[in-house]
């Protein structure tokens, strides 16, 4: 494979909810991933890790349309520069 693999481990001194909030916040990705050059939320279907799936209808004024599952749902794009390579992934 031409993609580098980096394996790491750590002990997190935070609650599971705070960990989920950290992982879902694209502006804080460099806090836990020093190799990241940044992450962008491409599409956000549902915000808030505490959101609960409900059946709603879309309207022209922009009502909240549920994605159908609990929690935050989005597609992100991350750019990473692994150590010892010149290549951005």
Protein backbone atom coordinates (compact mmCIF):
# COMPACT_ATOMS: atom_id res chain seq x y z
CA UNK A 1 0.00 0.00 0.00
CA UNK A 2 1.19 3.53 -0.67
CA UNK A 3 -0.65 4.98 2.36
CA UNK A 4 1.30 5.29 5.62
CA UNK A 5 -0.10 3.76 8.81
CA UNK A 6 0.45 5.28 12.23
CA UNK A 7 -0.73 3.55 15.39
CA UNK A 8 -1.05 5.42 18.67
CA UNK A 9 -2.55 4.92 22.13
CA UNK A 10 -3.38 7.16 25.07
CA UNK A 11 -5.44 7.38 28.24
CA UNK A 12 -8.11 10.06 28.09
CA UNK A 13 -8.99 11.77 31.30
CA UNK A 14 -12.50 12.88 30.26
CA UNK A 15 -16.06 11.66 30.20
CA UNK A 16 -17.36 9.76 27.15
CA UNK A 17 -19.66 12.69 26.31
CA UNK A 18 -16.79 15.21 26.39
CA UNK A 19 -14.75 12.83 24.23
CA UNK A 20 -17.60 12.64 21.69
CA UNK A 21 -17.89 16.45 21.71
CA UNK A 22 -14.14 16.73 21.09
CA UNK A 23 -14.21 14.26 18.18
CA UNK A 24 -17.19 15.94 16.50
CA UNK A 25 -15.78 19.49 16.73
CA UNK A 26 -13.75 19.98 13.53
CA UNK A 27 -12.18 23.19 14.87
CA UNK A 28 -10.50 21.17 17.67
CA UNK A 29 -9.10 18.28 15.59
CA UNK A 30 -5.49 19.48 16.06
CA UNK A 31 -5.95 19.07 19.84
CA UNK A 32 -5.80 15.29 19.50
CA UNK A 33 -4.29 14.79 16.03
CA UNK A 34 -0.99 16.62 15.63
CA UNK A 35 -0.60 15.27 12.08
CA UNK A 36 -3.86 16.87 10.90
CA UNK A 37 -3.63 19.89 8.63
CA UNK A 38 -7.29 20.62 9.30
CA UNK A 39 -10.74 19.17 8.92
CA UNK A 40 -13.79 20.62 7.17
CA UNK A 41 -17.44 19.69 7.68
CA UNK A 42 -18.56 18.99 4.12
CA UNK A 43 -22.21 18.18 4.94
CA UNK A 44 -23.93 18.40 8.34
CA UNK A 45 -27.11 16.34 8.46
CA UNK A 46 -27.75 16.70 12.19
CA UNK A 47 -25.97 18.77 14.87
CA UNK A 48 -25.48 18.04 18.57
CA UNK A 49 -24.32 14.72 20.00
CA UNK A 50 -27.42 14.73 22.24
CA UNK A 51 -29.91 15.09 19.39
CA UNK A 52 -32.68 12.50 19.24
CA UNK A 53 -34.06 11.19 15.96
CA UNK A 54 -37.57 12.42 15.27
CA UNK A 55 -39.84 12.18 12.29
CA UNK A 56 -40.08 15.68 10.81
CA UNK A 57 -40.92 17.07 7.42
CA UNK A 58 -38.82 19.43 5.34
CA UNK A 59 -40.27 22.82 4.47
CA UNK A 60 -39.15 25.78 2.39
CA UNK A 61 -38.29 27.83 5.50
CA UNK A 62 -35.61 25.35 6.59
CA UNK A 63 -37.22 23.24 9.30
CA UNK A 64 -35.02 20.78 11.13
CA UNK A 65 -35.07 17.61 9.08
CA UNK A 66 -33.90 14.63 11.13
CA UNK A 67 -31.40 12.26 9.54
CA UNK A 68 -33.15 9.35 11.26
CA UNK A 69 -30.59 8.37 13.92
CA UNK A 70 -29.64 9.75 17.32
CA UNK A 71 -26.56 11.95 17.66
CA UNK A 72 -24.56 14.21 15.36
CA UNK A 73 -24.31 13.12 11.73
CA UNK A 74 -21.95 14.69 9.20
CA UNK A 75 -19.49 14.08 6.41
CA UNK A 76 -16.02 15.53 7.01
CA UNK A 77 -12.85 15.95 4.96
CA UNK A 78 -9.53 15.73 6.80
CA UNK A 79 -6.07 16.44 5.42
CA UNK A 80 -3.17 14.75 7.19
CA UNK A 81 0.62 15.03 6.91
CA UNK A 82 2.10 11.85 8.43
CA UNK A 83 5.65 12.09 9.80
CA UNK A 84 8.54 10.96 7.63
CA UNK A 85 6.64 11.53 4.39
CA UNK A 86 6.37 14.46 2.05
CA UNK A 87 2.91 13.39 0.98
CA UNK A 88 -0.34 14.86 2.30
CA UNK A 89 -3.12 12.31 2.68
